[in-house]
Amino acid sequence: MNATHSDPTVQPVPASVVETVDAADVTLSNPKRAVIALGANLGNRLETLQGAVDALEDTPGVRVKAVSPVYETEPWGVEPGSQPSYLNAVVVVKTTLPPSSLLERAHAVEEAFHRVREERWGSRTIDVDIVAYADVVSDDPVLTLPHPRAHQRAFVLAPWHDVEPEALITGRGAVADLLTAVGRDGVEARPDLELRLPE
């Protein structure tokens, strides 16, 4: 990938801000672990996923701790061949933001990459979904935790299992067992594509 960024929405963060955030990272009071699923099937999919990872890292109160391998997957819930395939990945973060603020940031990242919500399961430049936040269980329709369908989706379970083999979905069981149950059909590892963990 060339060094020049073609995406005008990705702005470098001033070093002074990075230093301040790093200093704050040491003093983050009781950060919580959150798991975020990323997916893109329009435009430069890999560049968009990397931009989303970087944007999360640039969020005060959020530290990206792990980035999964990239998977290519068939679109979910639509006619085969009616949409381009997705690139999917999972990011594990530590955050002092409450779930509602993390959700606002996820939506802001989607908007930065011109995500349009026209139809359910429609094509999108980027999807940023909070899959789990600590052990929080919430039926809030705005943000249901854990994600109500993550346990059925290999495109979430496979990359999550890669970065956290022992992970559990509260109320659903081990990610490894859930992945075995749903199988890996339509989900293909792309070792030729790689997302960088932010510096």
Protein backbone atom coordinates (compact mmCIF):
# COMPACT_ATOMS: atom_id res chain seq x y z
CA MET A 1 0.00 0.00 0.00
CA ASN A 2 1.44 3.39 -0.87
CA ALA A 3 2.16 5.91 1.82
CA THR A 4 0.01 8.66 0.37
CA HIS A 5 -3.46 8.48 1.78
CA SER A 6 -6.22 8.80 -0.79
CA ASP A 7 -8.84 9.06 1.93
CA PRO A 8 -9.33 12.71 2.97
CA THR A 9 -11.25 11.63 6.09
CA VAL A 10 -8.12 10.18 7.72
CA GLN A 11 -6.22 13.00 9.36
CA PRO A 12 -2.93 12.48 11.18
CA VAL A 13 -3.11 13.07 14.90
CA PRO A 14 -0.70 15.72 16.23
CA ALA A 15 2.17 14.20 18.24
CA SER A 16 1.23 16.33 21.24
CA VAL A 17 -2.22 14.72 21.31
CA VAL A 18 -0.73 11.23 21.00
CA GLU A 19 1.64 11.93 23.90
CA THR A 20 -1.23 13.21 26.03
CA VAL A 21 -3.31 10.13 25.26
CA ASP A 22 -0.36 7.83 25.98
CA ALA A 23 0.17 9.54 29.31
CA ALA A 24 -3.51 9.17 30.05
CA ASP A 25 -3.32 5.49 29.10
CA VAL A 26 -1.14 4.80 32.13
CA THR A 27 -3.73 6.40 34.36
CA LEU A 28 -6.82 5.00 32.65
CA SER A 29 -8.99 4.18 35.60
CA ASN A 30 -10.42 0.70 35.34
CA PRO A 31 -10.54 0.35 31.54
CA LYS A 32 -13.01 -2.16 30.14
CA ARG A 33 -12.39 -4.62 27.33
CA ALA A 34 -14.62 -4.30 24.29
CA VAL A 35 -14.78 -6.31 21.08
CA ILE A 36 -15.64 -4.50 17.86
CA ALA A 37 -16.45 -6.15 14.53
CA LEU A 38 -15.56 -4.39 11.27
CA GLY A 39 -16.86 -5.14 7.80
CA ALA A 40 -16.63 -3.43 4.40
CA ASN A 41 -17.77 -4.40 0.91
CA LEU A 42 -17.56 -1.16 -1.10
CA GLY A 43 -14.58 0.88 -2.30
CA ASN A 44 -11.05 0.07 -1.11
CA ARG A 45 -12.16 -2.35 1.57
CA LEU A 46 -8.79 -2.97 3.22
CA GLU A 47 -7.90 0.73 3.34
CA THR A 48 -11.28 1.50 4.86
CA LEU A 49 -10.89 -1.18 7.54
CA GLN A 50 -7.43 0.17 8.40
CA GLY A 51 -8.84 3.68 8.57
CA ALA A 52 -11.51 2.49 11.00
CA VAL A 53 -8.88 0.80 13.20
CA ASP A 54 -6.80 4.00 13.20
CA ALA A 55 -9.85 6.15 13.97
CA LEU A 56 -10.70 3.97 16.97
CA GLU A 57 -7.12 4.26 18.23
CA ASP A 58 -7.31 8.05 17.79
CA THR A 59 -10.30 8.20 20.15
CA PRO A 60 -9.46 9.54 23.63
CA GLY A 61 -10.19 6.82 26.16
CA VAL A 62 -9.77 4.00 23.63
CA ARG A 63 -6.66 1.85 23.09
CA VAL A 64 -6.57 -0.77 20.34
CA LYS A 65 -4.99 -3.87 21.88
CA ALA A 66 -5.42 -6.48 19.13
CA VAL A 67 -6.41 -6.61 15.46
CA SER A 68 -7.49 -9.90 13.93
CA PRO A 69 -6.50 -11.40 10.60
CA VAL A 70 -8.69 -10.39 7.65
CA TYR A 71 -11.43 -12.66 6.30
CA GLU A 72 -13.36 -12.46 3.06
CA THR A 73 -16.99 -13.44 3.44
CA GLU A 74 -20.15 -13.78 1.43
CA PRO A 75 -22.77 -11.08 2.22
CA TRP A 76 -25.22 -12.17 4.92
CA GLY A 77 -28.98 -12.17 4.53
CA VAL A 78 -29.08 -11.40 0.78
CA GLU A 79 -29.22 -13.27 -2.54
CA PRO A 80 -25.83 -14.83 -3.43
CA GLY A 81 -24.00 -12.73 -6.00
CA SER A 82 -26.20 -9.67 -5.45
CA GLN A 83 -23.48 -7.79 -3.53
CA PRO A 84 -19.68 -7.67 -3.48
CA SER A 85 -18.04 -9.85 -0.85
CA TYR A 86 -17.02 -8.39 2.49
CA LEU A 87 -13.71 -8.04 4.21
CA ASN A 88 -14.20 -8.63 7.94
CA ALA A 89 -12.03 -8.26 11.01
CA VAL A 90 -12.34 -7.95 14.77
CA VAL A 91 -10.63 -5.40 17.01
CA VAL A 92 -10.16 -5.75 20.77
CA VAL A 93 -9.91 -2.45 22.65
CA LYS A 94 -9.51 -1.27 26.20
CA THR A 95 -11.68 1.73 26.92
CA THR A 96 -12.81 4.04 29.69
CA LEU A 97 -15.77 5.17 27.59
CA PRO A 98 -19.18 3.85 28.61
CA PRO A 99 -20.93 1.66 26.01
CA SER A 100 -23.14 4.53 24.81
CA SER A 101 -20.13 6.76 24.07
CA LEU A 102 -18.29 3.91 22.36
CA LEU A 103 -21.35 3.39 20.17
CA GLU A 104 -21.40 7.09 19.28
CA ARG A 105 -17.75 6.80 18.23
CA ALA A 106 -18.51 3.70 16.15
CA HIS A 107 -21.26 5.61 14.32
CA ALA A 108 -18.94 8.59 13.83
CA VAL A 109 -16.36 6.31 12.21
CA GLU A 110 -19.05 4.92 9.90
CA GLU A 111 -20.13 8.44 8.95
CA ALA A 112 -16.54 9.48 8.27
CA PHE A 113 -16.36 6.74 5.65
CA HIS A 114 -19.74 7.72 4.17
CA ARG A 115 -21.70 4.75 5.47
CA VAL A 116 -25.28 5.00 4.22
CA ARG A 117 -28.03 3.08 6.01
CA GLU A 118 -30.50 2.61 3.18
CA GLU A 119 -31.51 -0.99 3.62
CA ARG A 120 -31.01 -3.76 6.13
CA TRP A 121 -28.04 -5.90 5.12
CA GLY A 122 -27.33 -3.55 2.23
CA SER A 123 -23.83 -2.93 0.88
CA ARG A 124 -21.79 -0.55 2.98
CA THR A 125 -18.42 1.14 2.93
CA ILE A 126 -17.92 0.23 6.60
CA ASP A 127 -19.79 -1.45 9.41
CA VAL A 128 -18.56 -0.89 12.99
CA ASP A 129 -20.41 -3.08 15.49
CA ILE A 130 -19.81 -3.41 19.21
CA VAL A 131 -19.97 -7.16 19.78
CA ALA A 132 -19.21 -7.24 23.49
CA TYR A 133 -18.38 -4.77 26.27
CA ALA A 134 -16.82 -6.35 29.38
CA ASP A 135 -19.50 -8.73 30.75
CA VAL A 136 -22.31 -6.23 30.23
CA VAL A 137 -25.68 -7.71 29.30
CA SER A 138 -28.19 -5.16 28.03
CA ASP A 139 -31.49 -5.40 26.17
CA ASP A 140 -31.39 -1.73 25.19
CA PRO A 141 -32.61 -1.67 21.56
CA VAL A 142 -30.08 1.08 20.73
CA LEU A 143 -27.17 -1.14 21.84
CA THR A 144 -27.96 -4.74 22.75
CA LEU A 145 -25.04 -6.43 24.51
CA PRO A 146 -23.62 -8.86 23.69
CA HIS A 147 -24.50 -8.33 20.01
CA PRO A 148 -27.70 -10.35 19.50
CA ARG A 149 -26.48 -12.20 16.39
CA ALA A 150 -22.72 -12.42 16.89
CA HIS A 151 -22.96 -16.00 18.16
CA GLN A 152 -24.47 -17.05 14.80
CA ARG A 153 -21.99 -15.31 12.52
CA ALA A 154 -18.79 -17.02 11.46
CA PHE A 155 -17.48 -13.71 10.04
CA VAL A 156 -17.42 -12.40 13.63
CA LEU A 157 -16.52 -15.63 15.45
CA ALA A 158 -13.60 -16.69 13.21
CA PRO A 159 -11.52 -13.49 13.48
CA TRP A 160 -12.47 -13.08 17.16
CA HIS A 161 -11.28 -16.62 17.88
CA ASP A 162 -7.95 -15.80 16.18
CA VAL A 163 -7.19 -12.95 18.59
CA GLU A 164 -8.88 -14.38 21.71
CA PRO A 165 -9.01 -18.19 21.52
CA GLU A 166 -10.43 -18.41 25.05
CA ALA A 167 -13.08 -15.72 24.58
CA LEU A 168 -16.62 -16.20 25.86
CA ILE A 169 -19.86 -14.53 24.80
CA THR A 170 -21.79 -13.85 27.99
CA GLY A 171 -24.87 -16.05 28.04
CA ARG A 172 -23.87 -17.89 24.85
CA GLY A 173 -20.68 -19.77 25.67
CA ALA A 174 -17.18 -20.11 24.28
CA VAL A 175 -16.43 -18.47 20.93
CA ALA A 176 -14.52 -21.62 19.91
CA ASP A 177 -17.58 -23.82 20.51
CA LEU A 178 -19.93 -21.37 18.79
CA LEU A 179 -17.63 -21.24 15.75
CA THR A 180 -17.56 -25.04 15.59
CA ALA A 181 -21.37 -25.07 15.71
CA VAL A 182 -21.89 -22.57 12.85
CA GLY A 183 -18.94 -23.71 10.73
CA ARG A 184 -16.77 -21.65 8.40
CA ASP A 185 -18.75 -21.90 5.15
CA GLY A 186 -18.50 -18.70 3.14
CA VAL A 187 -15.73 -17.33 5.38
CA GLU A 188 -12.24 -17.43 3.90
CA ALA A 189 -9.01 -16.31 5.58
CA ARG A 190 -7.04 -13.75 3.54
CA PRO A 191 -3.42 -14.09 4.73
CA ASP A 192 -2.37 -11.83 1.83
CA LEU A 193 -4.21 -8.93 3.47
CA GLU A 194 -3.14 -7.47 6.79
CA LEU A 195 -4.33 -4.79 9.14
CA ARG A 196 -1.69 -2.97 11.14
CA LEU A 197 -1.97 -2.47 14.86
CA PRO A 198 -1.67 1.31 15.37
CA GLU A 199 1.77 2.44 16.55
